[in-house]
Amino acid sequence: MPALVCVPILVHDVHAARAEAQSAKLAGADLVEFRIDEFFTGRDDESPAILRLVAESALPCIVTCRAASEGGHYEGDDMARIALYERLGTASGKGEHPPRYLDVELATYARSANIKQKVNLAVDHPAQLRELRTGLILSMHDFIGRPNDLMR
């Protein structure tokens, strides 16, 4: 698999983020990462704007809502964030499509069987009728430094 160039975009405003994705495409990027952790606060009424951002992105995208405990800005309820991931991963309404990848912290994913099940369904739901499923990126963040053994 060839290396891909990904441009991270911190989302404060969906219109500006969409324009930044277009600029990234023109500059030769292969995909963008929409960091929505400053935009999304956990309210249900924010989901449509995020769904629209993904659907109208000029490039395939990764959606990340990084928890504050993992170096991000999201301080809301984990279940609201997981519900958003479920909604994104199963997007199939008119004008909707899911992101290419969802980025979830390994610590969150491993926290409970319920969270793991919901995330897995978001990326591999039996009702998804499309050729390319949403991929899952499990992130681990080490704020102390690089480990001596990178294979750990």
Foldseek 3Di string as FASTA:
>chain_A
DDDFAEAEDEDPDLVVSQVVLVVCVVVPGQEYEYACQVPDALDPVCLVSVQLSCLSHPHAYEYENDDVVQVHRHPHDPVSVLVSLLCQLQDDDVSGHHGQEYEEEPCQCPVDPVSVVSNVCSFPPPPDDDDRTRYYHHDYHDPVDQDPDNVD
